[in-house]
Amino acid sequence: MKDILQELEDRRAVARLGGGARRIEAQHSKGKLTARERIELLLDEGSFEEFDMFVAHRCTDFGMEKERPAGDGVVTGWGTVNGRMVYVFSQDFTVMGGSVSETHGQKICKIMDMAMQNGAPIIGMDDSGGARIQEGVASLAAYGEVFQRNIMASGVVPQISLIMGPCAGGAVYSPAMTDFIFMVKDSSYMFVTGPDVVKTVTNEVVTAEELGGALTHTNKSSVADGAYENDVEALAETRRLIDFLPMSNRDRAPVRPFFDDPARVEMSLDTLIPDNPNQPYDMKELILKLADEADFFEIQAAFAGNILTGFIRLEGQTVGVVANQPTVLAGCLDIDSSRKAARFVRFCDAFEIPILTLVDVPGFLPGVGQEHAGVIKHGAKLLFAYGEATVPKVTVITRKAYGGAYVVMASKHLRADFNYAWPTAEIAVMGAKGATEIIHRGKSAEEIAALAAKYEDRFANPFVAAEKGFIDEVIMPHSTRRRVARAFASLRGKKLTTPWKKHDNIPL
């Protein structure tokens, strides 16, 4: 009996070593943690339960039968984050470069199936050289099986991808279909075709970092939602994000203890809006002053800065925030900000997370480039996302809300539940000067100026919209936290049904 028990311990020890001490040292020398170290940092201490530790590949071509490492380059299982269950897989670059084989894919698929069955998030840590070439089409089939499960899990359980090394070729499409992607600066990259192929085909010379590094995907492509300095920071921030999210679409997000008075008054908000209507201010200041303990988890902070997205808590409950940012492009909506916000709104709606919208938008960004690149269709994505969302929606207009952008930003006409405005709000088709020039075409400059002042007096305020019931209440800025918190509290039992359909056809 003792011999058998010892054999089990010996086999476990070998499996835990992955590719061996030399390769682990090489991994550490690049500033990267091993697959198992990442899991230990991500999960609560002692909570990890591993699956398939002894699974080995079945390939017999190219002499592969001589090397059959236990685990086959991926560590899978489940554990807890702050006491709540999650399923994880972590690719092991020390074992054949973390390459994906038939059995490697089967291990990932098994825990994805269990996550959907049991209703818990999936966290994948990607660090792989790609498909295992020796296995040919069997490796591609493994990818396909994983992709199908990403699709099936979408909107059922939260899916988070941590890119902690290379992720190239077809492998990129699995994280691309997950809800959030975090990358590590200088040690992770994603691209469909690498620098060598790019040089051969297009004659462009580019490094892996420039082509698909963390800064490229957070600043330019919007593929990734956040970039962190190292593995440890990325894992800590993932734990923080998980705390805002429900375990599945069958649950609500967790309610956390809070020590912040929901009726807290912020007198400084009464002077947040500058006297000059063209002077910017930082909308993030308002978000932090509304949130419990000023805690704001921002999503895609480095991309499309003219709109802010992320999570806060109100009375301990998770709320998704979408807010125009006047300090960038005057808070205009454009292609990038519309796509960024639309995806975030759809995530919140899929997982029953209420949405708070803070509005200061002078319109859509004009320009030939925007029109030719399809701002109409991209703007419609945000419009569609807000209109289809059935979660509680509260909107606060702080300053400008002009034209179609007013309608798009969770207006009463898109079934928002509470629409508040500050006394500084201006809700109109367009600015006073432009409107006056159209209405009174042909008048002198002096007459236009006088008529613009009259137009401003009549329309550059929230009261015309309030008279028509499009604004539920004009509120004092200092009382915004109390009003918004009470609004969401009153909507906790909201039920809204829509006509039966197989699925919608969002303007992609």
Protein backbone atom coordinates (compact mmCIF):
# COMPACT_ATOMS: atom_id res chain seq x y z
CA MET A 1 0.00 0.00 0.00
CA LYS A 2 2.79 2.41 0.94
CA ASP A 3 4.48 1.82 -2.42
CA ILE A 4 1.32 2.82 -4.28
CA LEU A 5 0.89 5.95 -2.17
CA GLN A 6 4.52 6.86 -2.75
CA GLU A 7 4.10 6.34 -6.49
CA LEU A 8 1.18 8.78 -6.46
CA GLU A 9 3.26 11.38 -4.64
CA ASP A 10 6.17 10.85 -7.05
CA ARG A 11 3.92 11.22 -10.09
CA ARG A 12 2.38 14.37 -8.65
CA ALA A 13 5.82 15.84 -7.98
CA VAL A 14 6.88 15.20 -11.58
CA ALA A 15 3.62 16.70 -12.93
CA ARG A 16 4.01 19.81 -10.77
CA LEU A 17 7.49 20.40 -12.16
CA GLY A 18 6.06 20.83 -15.66
CA GLY A 19 8.92 21.16 -18.13
CA GLY A 20 11.54 20.83 -15.39
CA ALA A 21 13.70 23.11 -13.28
CA ARG A 22 15.73 24.50 -16.22
CA ARG A 23 12.67 25.64 -18.15
CA ILE A 24 11.05 27.05 -15.01
CA GLU A 25 14.21 29.10 -14.48
CA ALA A 26 13.99 30.32 -18.09
CA GLN A 27 10.37 31.34 -17.49
CA HIS A 28 11.35 33.29 -14.37
CA SER A 29 14.26 34.97 -16.19
CA LYS A 30 11.71 36.56 -18.58
CA GLY A 31 9.86 38.06 -15.61
CA LYS A 32 7.03 35.52 -15.98
CA LEU A 33 5.47 33.24 -13.37
CA THR A 34 4.82 29.57 -14.08
CA ALA A 35 1.33 28.26 -14.79
CA ARG A 36 0.94 26.93 -11.24
CA GLU A 37 2.34 30.06 -9.59
CA ARG A 38 -0.26 32.12 -11.46
CA ILE A 39 -3.08 29.91 -10.23
CA GLU A 40 -1.80 30.12 -6.65
CA LEU A 41 -1.79 33.93 -6.77
CA LEU A 42 -5.19 34.18 -8.46
CA LEU A 43 -7.12 31.82 -6.18
CA ASP A 44 -7.70 31.87 -2.43
CA GLU A 45 -4.95 30.04 -0.59
CA GLY A 46 -5.44 26.26 -0.58
CA SER A 47 -8.65 26.39 -2.65
CA PHE A 48 -7.36 24.97 -5.96
CA GLU A 49 -8.69 21.55 -6.99
CA GLU A 50 -6.88 20.26 -10.05
CA PHE A 51 -8.36 18.16 -12.87
CA ASP A 52 -6.48 15.91 -15.29
CA MET A 53 -3.02 16.22 -13.74
CA PHE A 54 -1.87 13.01 -15.44
CA VAL A 55 -3.40 13.49 -18.90
CA ALA A 56 -0.81 12.98 -21.68
CA HIS A 57 -0.97 13.48 -25.45
CA ARG A 58 -1.66 10.59 -27.82
CA CYS A 59 0.51 11.65 -30.77
CA THR A 60 2.92 9.03 -32.15
CA ASP A 61 4.26 10.94 -35.18
CA PHE A 62 7.69 12.63 -35.40
CA GLY A 63 8.95 10.69 -32.36
CA MET A 64 6.39 12.36 -30.06
CA GLU A 65 5.68 9.07 -28.27
CA LYS A 66 9.06 9.44 -26.52
CA GLU A 67 8.00 12.62 -24.72
CA ARG A 68 4.64 12.47 -22.98
CA PRO A 69 4.71 14.98 -20.09
CA ALA A 70 1.94 14.72 -17.50
CA GLY A 71 -0.66 17.46 -17.86
CA ASP A 72 0.18 18.12 -21.52
CA GLY A 73 1.04 21.80 -21.14
CA VAL A 74 -2.03 23.14 -19.36
CA VAL A 75 -3.11 23.17 -15.70
CA THR A 76 -6.90 23.08 -15.20
CA GLY A 77 -9.29 23.01 -12.27
CA TRP A 78 -11.38 25.15 -9.98
CA GLY A 79 -11.01 27.17 -6.81
CA THR A 80 -12.35 30.29 -5.16
CA VAL A 81 -11.77 34.04 -5.35
CA ASN A 82 -12.83 35.68 -2.08
CA GLY A 83 -14.89 32.58 -1.36
CA ARG A 84 -16.72 32.49 -4.73
CA MET A 85 -16.11 29.61 -7.15
CA VAL A 86 -14.26 30.08 -10.46
CA TYR A 87 -12.90 27.66 -13.04
CA VAL A 88 -9.38 28.21 -14.35
CA PHE A 89 -6.97 26.98 -16.97
CA SER A 90 -3.36 28.08 -17.15
CA GLN A 91 -1.16 27.19 -20.11
CA ASP A 92 2.31 25.98 -19.15
CA PHE A 93 4.96 27.43 -21.46
CA THR A 94 7.61 25.17 -19.88
CA VAL A 95 5.93 22.11 -21.44
CA MET A 96 6.42 22.14 -25.23
CA GLY A 97 5.98 25.91 -25.27
CA GLY A 98 2.40 25.54 -23.99
CA SER A 99 1.43 24.32 -27.46
CA VAL A 100 -2.15 23.14 -27.93
CA SER A 101 -2.71 19.46 -28.69
CA GLU A 102 -5.88 17.42 -28.94
CA THR A 103 -5.75 16.44 -25.25
CA HIS A 104 -4.66 19.95 -24.15
CA GLY A 105 -7.85 21.28 -25.81
CA GLN A 106 -9.96 18.54 -24.23
CA LYS A 107 -8.76 19.54 -20.76
CA ILE A 108 -9.80 23.16 -21.36
CA CYS A 109 -13.16 22.09 -22.81
CA LYS A 110 -13.89 19.92 -19.78
CA ILE A 111 -13.62 22.77 -17.29
CA MET A 112 -15.52 25.14 -19.60
CA ASP A 113 -18.37 22.64 -19.76
CA MET A 114 -18.35 22.35 -15.97
CA ALA A 115 -18.33 26.14 -15.56
CA MET A 116 -21.44 26.46 -17.71
CA GLN A 117 -23.15 23.54 -16.00
CA ASN A 118 -22.44 24.80 -12.48
CA GLY A 119 -22.68 28.53 -13.16
CA ALA A 120 -19.23 29.95 -12.38
CA PRO A 121 -16.81 32.29 -14.23
CA ILE A 122 -14.03 30.98 -16.48
CA ILE A 123 -10.56 32.50 -16.20
CA GLY A 124 -8.03 31.50 -18.84
CA MET A 125 -4.32 32.30 -18.62
CA ASP A 126 -2.80 32.17 -22.11
CA ASP A 127 0.92 31.54 -22.55
CA SER A 128 1.35 29.36 -25.61
CA GLY A 129 3.39 29.01 -28.76
CA GLY A 130 0.22 28.06 -30.66
CA ALA A 131 -0.96 24.84 -32.27
CA ARG A 132 1.22 21.75 -31.82
CA ILE A 133 2.41 21.31 -35.38
CA GLN A 134 3.19 17.60 -34.95
CA GLU A 135 -0.53 16.89 -34.39
CA GLY A 136 -1.71 18.73 -37.50
CA VAL A 137 -5.46 19.04 -37.91
CA ALA A 138 -6.14 17.43 -34.49
CA SER A 139 -4.63 20.53 -32.90
CA LEU A 140 -6.83 22.82 -35.02
CA ALA A 141 -9.86 20.73 -34.05
CA ALA A 142 -8.98 21.29 -30.39
CA TYR A 143 -9.01 25.05 -30.97
CA GLY A 144 -12.36 24.78 -32.72
CA GLU A 145 -13.88 22.92 -29.77
CA VAL A 146 -12.66 25.64 -27.38
CA PHE A 147 -14.03 28.39 -29.65
CA GLN A 148 -17.45 26.75 -29.71
CA ARG A 149 -17.53 26.69 -25.92
CA ASN A 150 -16.53 30.36 -25.76
CA ILE A 151 -19.56 31.08 -27.91
CA MET A 152 -21.89 28.89 -25.85
CA ALA A 153 -20.61 30.40 -22.57
CA SER A 154 -21.02 33.99 -23.80
CA GLY A 155 -23.71 35.68 -21.72
CA VAL A 156 -24.03 32.58 -19.52
CA VAL A 157 -20.92 32.92 -17.32
CA PRO A 158 -18.33 35.70 -17.24
CA GLN A 159 -15.20 34.83 -19.22
CA ILE A 160 -11.88 36.53 -18.48
CA SER A 161 -8.65 36.04 -20.47
CA LEU A 162 -5.21 36.90 -19.13
CA ILE A 163 -2.60 37.06 -21.89
CA MET A 164 0.66 36.35 -20.06
CA GLY A 165 2.93 35.36 -22.91
CA PRO A 166 2.58 34.69 -26.63
CA CYS A 167 -0.89 34.17 -28.12
CA ALA A 168 -0.71 33.97 -31.90
CA GLY A 169 -2.50 32.64 -34.95
CA GLY A 170 -5.89 31.01 -34.45
CA ALA A 171 -5.32 30.99 -30.67
CA VAL A 172 -6.21 34.71 -30.48
CA TYR A 173 -9.85 34.06 -31.29
CA SER A 174 -10.61 32.32 -28.02
CA PRO A 175 -9.72 35.35 -25.84
CA ALA A 176 -11.28 37.65 -28.45
CA MET A 177 -14.68 36.07 -27.70
CA THR A 178 -14.34 36.40 -23.92
CA ASP A 179 -15.72 39.34 -21.93
CA PHE A 180 -12.47 40.88 -20.68
CA ILE A 181 -8.85 40.59 -21.83
CA PHE A 182 -5.95 41.72 -19.66
CA MET A 183 -2.35 41.76 -20.89
CA VAL A 184 1.07 42.07 -19.27
CA LYS A 185 3.40 44.78 -20.58
CA ASP A 186 6.59 43.65 -22.34
CA SER A 187 5.94 39.92 -21.90
CA SER A 188 2.65 39.25 -23.71
CA TYR A 189 1.51 39.75 -27.27
CA MET A 190 -1.39 38.78 -29.55
CA PHE A 191 -1.54 38.74 -33.35
CA VAL A 192 -3.05 36.63 -36.10
CA THR A 193 0.14 36.71 -38.18
CA GLY A 194 3.56 37.38 -36.66
CA PRO A 195 6.25 39.90 -37.62
CA ASP A 196 8.05 37.47 -39.95
CA VAL A 197 4.91 36.72 -41.98
CA VAL A 198 4.02 40.41 -42.10
CA LYS A 199 7.49 41.22 -43.47
CA THR A 200 7.26 38.47 -46.10
CA VAL A 201 3.77 39.41 -47.31
CA THR A 202 3.63 43.21 -46.97
CA ASN A 203 7.33 44.09 -46.57
CA GLU A 204 6.54 45.94 -43.31
CA VAL A 205 9.21 45.63 -40.62
CA VAL A 206 7.65 45.53 -37.15
CA THR A 207 8.53 44.04 -33.76
CA ALA A 208 6.23 41.63 -31.90
CA GLU A 209 5.64 44.36 -29.28
CA GLU A 210 4.67 46.99 -31.87
CA LEU A 211 2.49 44.54 -33.77
CA GLY A 212 0.57 43.00 -30.90
CA GLY A 213 1.93 44.05 -27.52
CA ALA A 214 -0.08 45.17 -24.51
CA LEU A 215 0.17 48.91 -25.30
CA THR A 216 -0.85 48.34 -28.94
CA HIS A 217 -3.97 46.42 -27.96
CA THR A 218 -5.02 48.77 -25.14
CA ASN A 219 -4.31 52.06 -26.95
CA LYS A 220 -4.93 51.37 -30.64
CA SER A 221 -6.90 48.23 -31.41
CA SER A 222 -9.13 48.01 -28.29
CA VAL A 223 -8.64 44.22 -28.33
CA ALA A 224 -7.48 44.30 -24.67
CA ASP A 225 -9.22 45.96 -21.71
CA GLY A 226 -6.18 46.59 -19.50
CA ALA A 227 -2.37 46.37 -19.48
CA TYR A 228 -0.43 45.70 -16.30
CA GLU A 229 3.23 45.90 -15.33
CA ASN A 230 3.67 42.24 -14.42
CA ASP A 231 1.88 38.94 -13.78
CA VAL A 232 1.31 39.73 -10.10
CA GLU A 233 -0.50 43.02 -10.79
CA ALA A 234 -2.62 41.45 -13.55
CA LEU A 235 -3.73 38.63 -11.23
CA ALA A 236 -4.50 41.04 -8.36
CA GLU A 237 -6.65 43.22 -10.64
CA THR A 238 -8.45 40.13 -11.94
CA ARG A 239 -9.39 39.22 -8.36
CA ARG A 240 -10.70 42.75 -7.93
CA LEU A 241 -12.78 42.55 -11.14
CA ILE A 242 -14.27 39.16 -10.21
CA ASP A 243 -15.61 40.78 -7.03
CA PHE A 244 -17.82 43.09 -9.13
CA LEU A 245 -19.29 40.30 -11.28
CA PRO A 246 -22.03 37.71 -10.77
CA MET A 247 -21.10 34.05 -11.01
CA SER A 248 -23.49 33.51 -13.92
CA ASN A 249 -26.54 34.97 -15.64
CA ARG A 250 -28.65 33.08 -13.08
CA ASP A 251 -27.19 35.12 -10.19
CA ARG A 252 -26.92 38.75 -9.21
CA ALA A 253 -23.57 40.40 -8.59
CA PRO A 254 -22.40 40.05 -4.97
CA VAL A 255 -23.41 42.68 -2.42
CA ARG A 256 -20.36 43.80 -0.49
CA PRO A 257 -20.28 45.50 2.93
CA PHE A 258 -20.09 49.28 2.53
CA PHE A 259 -19.17 52.04 4.95
CA ASP A 260 -20.28 55.02 2.89
CA ASP A 261 -23.55 56.83 3.60
CA PRO A 262 -25.89 56.46 0.55
CA ALA A 263 -27.28 59.92 1.40
CA ARG A 264 -23.81 61.50 1.47
CA VAL A 265 -23.90 65.10 0.18
CA GLU A 266 -21.04 66.34 -2.03
CA MET A 267 -21.23 70.14 -2.03
CA SER A 268 -18.20 70.35 -4.36
CA LEU A 269 -20.37 68.98 -7.19
CA ASP A 270 -22.34 72.23 -7.21
CA THR A 271 -19.26 73.91 -8.73
CA LEU A 272 -18.05 71.03 -10.92
CA ILE A 273 -19.49 72.54 -14.13
CA PRO A 274 -17.42 75.58 -15.27
CA ASP A 275 -19.16 78.88 -16.06
CA ASN A 276 -17.67 78.81 -19.56
CA PRO A 277 -19.73 76.24 -21.55
CA ASN A 278 -16.68 75.38 -23.66
CA GLN A 279 -14.38 74.68 -20.72
CA PRO A 280 -13.80 70.98 -19.96
CA TYR A 281 -13.92 69.29 -16.55
CA ASP A 282 -13.03 65.77 -15.44
CA MET A 283 -16.09 63.48 -15.39
CA LYS A 284 -14.06 60.94 -13.41
CA GLU A 285 -14.34 63.30 -10.42
CA LEU A 286 -18.12 62.86 -10.49
CA ILE A 287 -17.85 59.06 -10.79
CA LEU A 288 -15.51 58.82 -7.79
CA LYS A 289 -17.75 61.07 -5.69
CA LEU A 290 -20.83 58.96 -6.49
CA ALA A 291 -19.19 55.57 -5.85
CA ASP A 292 -19.00 53.78 -2.51
CA GLU A 293 -15.57 54.57 -1.02
CA ALA A 294 -14.57 56.24 -4.35
CA ASP A 295 -13.85 52.77 -5.82
CA PHE A 296 -14.01 52.72 -9.65
CA PHE A 297 -12.76 49.75 -11.72
CA GLU A 298 -12.22 51.28 -15.15
CA ILE A 299 -12.45 49.18 -18.32
CA GLN A 300 -10.43 50.14 -21.44
CA ALA A 301 -9.01 53.24 -19.75
CA ALA A 302 -6.40 53.78 -22.48
CA PHE A 303 -8.77 53.58 -25.47
CA ALA A 304 -11.38 56.11 -26.66
CA GLY A 305 -10.87 58.40 -23.68
CA ASN A 306 -13.88 60.50 -24.70
CA ILE A 307 -16.07 57.90 -22.99
CA LEU A 308 -15.48 56.24 -19.61
CA THR A 309 -16.67 52.73 -18.79
CA GLY A 310 -16.27 50.64 -15.66
CA PHE A 311 -17.78 49.37 -12.42
CA ILE A 312 -18.61 51.09 -9.14
CA ARG A 313 -20.74 50.06 -6.16
CA LEU A 314 -23.75 51.88 -4.75
CA GLU A 315 -24.96 50.61 -1.36
CA GLY A 316 -22.59 47.68 -1.87
CA GLN A 317 -24.20 46.67 -5.19
CA THR A 318 -22.38 46.58 -8.53
CA VAL A 319 -23.34 49.25 -11.08
CA GLY A 320 -21.89 49.66 -14.58
CA VAL A 321 -20.99 53.25 -15.46
CA VAL A 322 -20.89 54.83 -18.92
CA ALA A 323 -19.89 58.51 -18.94
CA ASN A 324 -18.89 61.09 -21.54
CA GLN A 325 -15.49 62.64 -20.75
CA PRO A 326 -15.38 66.38 -21.64
CA THR A 327 -11.58 66.51 -21.34
CA VAL A 328 -11.17 64.35 -24.49
CA LEU A 329 -12.69 65.53 -27.80
CA ALA A 330 -15.15 67.58 -25.70
CA GLY A 331 -16.92 64.30 -24.88
CA CYS A 332 -18.11 63.79 -28.47
CA LEU A 333 -19.25 60.34 -29.52
CA ASP A 334 -17.24 58.80 -32.35
CA ILE A 335 -16.65 55.33 -33.82
CA ASP A 336 -14.25 54.14 -31.12
CA SER A 337 -16.23 55.44 -28.13
CA SER A 338 -19.49 54.04 -29.53
CA ARG A 339 -18.01 50.55 -29.94
CA LYS A 340 -16.35 50.65 -26.53
CA ALA A 341 -19.51 51.72 -24.71
CA ALA A 342 -21.85 49.43 -26.69
CA ARG A 343 -19.86 46.33 -25.79
CA PHE A 344 -19.79 47.35 -22.13
CA VAL A 345 -23.55 48.03 -22.04
CA ARG A 346 -24.28 44.63 -23.60
CA PHE A 347 -22.09 42.88 -21.03
CA CYS A 348 -23.92 44.62 -18.18
CA ASP A 349 -27.30 43.71 -19.66
CA ALA A 350 -26.30 40.05 -20.16
CA PHE A 351 -25.40 39.72 -16.48
CA GLU A 352 -28.14 41.86 -14.90
CA ILE A 353 -25.80 44.66 -13.84
CA PRO A 354 -27.66 48.02 -13.58
CA ILE A 355 -26.32 50.85 -15.76
CA LEU A 356 -25.63 54.44 -14.70
CA THR A 357 -25.10 56.88 -17.58
CA LEU A 358 -23.54 60.31 -17.01
CA VAL A 359 -24.11 62.59 -19.98
CA ASP A 360 -22.22 65.60 -21.30
CA VAL A 361 -22.20 65.14 -25.06
CA PRO A 362 -22.17 67.90 -27.70
CA GLY A 363 -22.93 65.41 -30.49
CA PHE A 364 -21.20 62.98 -32.82
CA LEU A 365 -17.69 63.86 -33.97
CA PRO A 366 -17.92 65.43 -37.46
CA GLY A 367 -15.48 64.57 -40.23
CA VAL A 368 -14.98 62.83 -43.54
CA GLY A 369 -12.89 60.13 -41.89
CA GLN A 370 -15.67 59.32 -39.41
CA GLU A 371 -18.38 59.15 -42.07
CA HIS A 372 -16.31 57.04 -44.46
CA ALA A 373 -15.36 54.65 -41.66
CA GLY A 374 -19.04 54.07 -40.87
CA VAL A 375 -19.86 56.22 -37.83
CA ILE A 376 -23.54 55.69 -38.66
CA LYS A 377 -23.35 51.93 -38.13
CA HIS A 378 -20.98 52.18 -35.17
CA GLY A 379 -23.08 54.85 -33.46
CA ALA A 380 -26.10 52.62 -34.02
CA LYS A 381 -24.37 49.88 -32.00
CA LEU A 382 -24.52 52.05 -28.88
CA LEU A 383 -28.08 53.11 -29.62
CA PHE A 384 -29.08 49.47 -30.12
CA ALA A 385 -27.26 48.31 -26.98
CA TYR A 386 -29.05 50.84 -24.76
CA GLY A 387 -32.41 50.23 -26.41
CA GLU A 388 -32.27 46.44 -25.99
CA ALA A 389 -31.00 46.55 -22.39
CA THR A 390 -33.67 45.56 -19.86
CA VAL A 391 -31.60 46.11 -16.70
CA PRO A 392 -32.27 49.12 -14.43
CA LYS A 393 -31.02 52.26 -16.24
CA VAL A 394 -30.48 55.61 -14.53
CA THR A 395 -29.24 58.64 -16.48
CA VAL A 396 -27.89 61.97 -15.21
CA ILE A 397 -27.33 64.83 -17.68
CA THR A 398 -24.75 67.21 -16.26
CA ARG A 399 -24.27 69.70 -19.09
CA LYS A 400 -24.69 69.33 -22.87
CA ALA A 401 -26.99 66.74 -24.43
CA TYR A 402 -27.36 67.73 -28.08
CA GLY A 403 -29.00 66.14 -31.09
CA GLY A 404 -28.93 62.43 -31.82
CA ALA A 405 -26.25 61.95 -29.17
CA TYR A 406 -28.81 63.00 -26.51
CA VAL A 407 -31.11 60.20 -27.66
CA VAL A 408 -28.32 57.62 -27.87
CA MET A 409 -27.02 58.22 -24.33
CA ALA A 410 -29.72 56.27 -22.45
CA SER A 411 -32.48 58.83 -22.95
CA LYS A 412 -36.05 58.32 -21.73
CA HIS A 413 -36.93 57.33 -25.31
CA LEU A 414 -34.68 54.24 -25.02
CA ARG A 415 -36.60 52.97 -21.97
CA ALA A 416 -34.32 54.46 -19.32
CA ASP A 417 -36.06 54.26 -15.93
CA PHE A 418 -34.87 57.44 -14.22
CA ASN A 419 -33.64 60.45 -16.20
CA TYR A 420 -32.25 63.21 -14.03
CA ALA A 421 -30.68 66.51 -15.09
CA TRP A 422 -28.62 69.06 -13.25
CA PRO A 423 -29.76 72.72 -13.50
CA THR A 424 -26.69 73.27 -15.73
CA ALA A 425 -27.97 70.79 -18.34
CA GLU A 426 -28.65 71.96 -21.89
CA ILE A 427 -30.94 69.59 -23.81
CA ALA A 428 -31.47 70.73 -27.39
CA VAL A 429 -31.09 69.77 -31.03
CA MET A 430 -27.85 71.75 -31.24
CA GLY A 431 -25.97 74.69 -29.70
CA ALA A 432 -27.67 78.11 -29.62
CA LYS A 433 -25.45 79.78 -32.23
CA GLY A 434 -25.75 77.01 -34.82
CA ALA A 435 -29.50 76.68 -34.29
CA THR A 436 -30.05 80.46 -34.60
CA GLU A 437 -28.02 80.65 -37.81
CA ILE A 438 -30.26 77.99 -39.38
CA ILE A 439 -33.58 79.35 -38.10
CA HIS A 440 -32.76 82.99 -38.93
CA ARG A 441 -30.66 82.55 -42.05
CA GLY A 442 -29.70 85.85 -43.70
CA LYS A 443 -29.74 88.00 -40.56
CA SER A 444 -26.78 90.20 -39.65
CA ALA A 445 -24.14 89.08 -37.15
CA GLU A 446 -25.54 91.44 -34.50
CA GLU A 447 -29.08 90.13 -34.97
CA ILE A 448 -27.85 86.54 -34.87
CA ALA A 449 -26.02 87.22 -31.58
CA ALA A 450 -29.15 88.75 -30.01
CA LEU A 451 -31.38 85.93 -31.26
CA ALA A 452 -28.84 83.30 -30.08
CA ALA A 453 -29.02 84.78 -26.57
CA LYS A 454 -32.84 84.46 -26.69
CA TYR A 455 -32.56 80.87 -27.95
CA GLU A 456 -30.14 80.10 -25.13
CA ASP A 457 -32.50 81.50 -22.52
CA ARG A 458 -35.34 79.38 -23.89
CA PHE A 459 -33.60 76.10 -24.68
CA ALA A 460 -30.18 75.96 -22.98
CA ASN A 461 -31.65 74.44 -19.83
CA PRO A 462 -33.28 71.19 -18.71
CA PHE A 463 -36.76 72.62 -18.14
CA VAL A 464 -38.20 72.30 -21.67
CA ALA A 465 -37.41 68.56 -21.58
CA ALA A 466 -38.76 68.37 -18.02
CA GLU A 467 -42.01 70.04 -19.13
CA LYS A 468 -42.50 67.22 -21.64
CA GLY A 469 -41.66 64.46 -19.14
CA PHE A 470 -38.44 63.47 -20.88
CA ILE A 471 -36.56 64.42 -17.71
CA ASP A 472 -38.08 63.01 -14.52
CA GLU A 473 -36.54 65.56 -12.19
CA VAL A 474 -34.06 68.40 -12.18
CA ILE A 475 -31.81 67.67 -9.20
CA MET A 476 -29.19 69.53 -7.19
CA PRO A 477 -25.70 68.29 -8.11
CA HIS A 478 -24.71 67.83 -4.45
CA SER A 479 -27.58 65.36 -3.92
CA THR A 480 -26.74 63.17 -6.94
CA ARG A 481 -25.40 60.19 -4.95
CA ARG A 482 -28.53 60.04 -2.79
CA ARG A 483 -30.91 60.38 -5.76
CA VAL A 484 -29.10 57.81 -7.89
CA ALA A 485 -28.76 55.31 -5.02
CA ARG A 486 -32.48 55.61 -4.21
CA ALA A 487 -33.38 55.23 -7.89
CA PHE A 488 -31.43 51.98 -8.21
CA ALA A 489 -32.85 50.73 -4.88
CA SER A 490 -36.38 51.26 -6.23
CA LEU A 491 -35.53 49.29 -9.40
CA ARG A 492 -34.25 46.10 -7.76
CA GLY A 493 -37.46 44.26 -8.62
CA LYS A 494 -37.61 45.51 -12.23
CA LYS A 495 -39.06 43.08 -14.77
CA LEU A 496 -39.22 44.03 -18.44
CA THR A 497 -40.17 41.61 -21.20
CA THR A 498 -39.47 42.00 -24.90
CA PRO A 499 -41.12 40.33 -27.92
CA TRP A 500 -39.98 36.73 -28.54
CA LYS A 501 -37.08 36.40 -30.97
CA LYS A 502 -34.32 33.89 -31.64
CA HIS A 503 -31.81 36.72 -31.24
CA ASP A 504 -31.48 40.29 -32.39
CA ASN A 505 -29.43 41.47 -35.34
CA ILE A 506 -27.30 44.25 -33.85
CA PRO A 507 -25.70 46.46 -36.56
CA LEU A 508 -22.24 44.90 -36.48
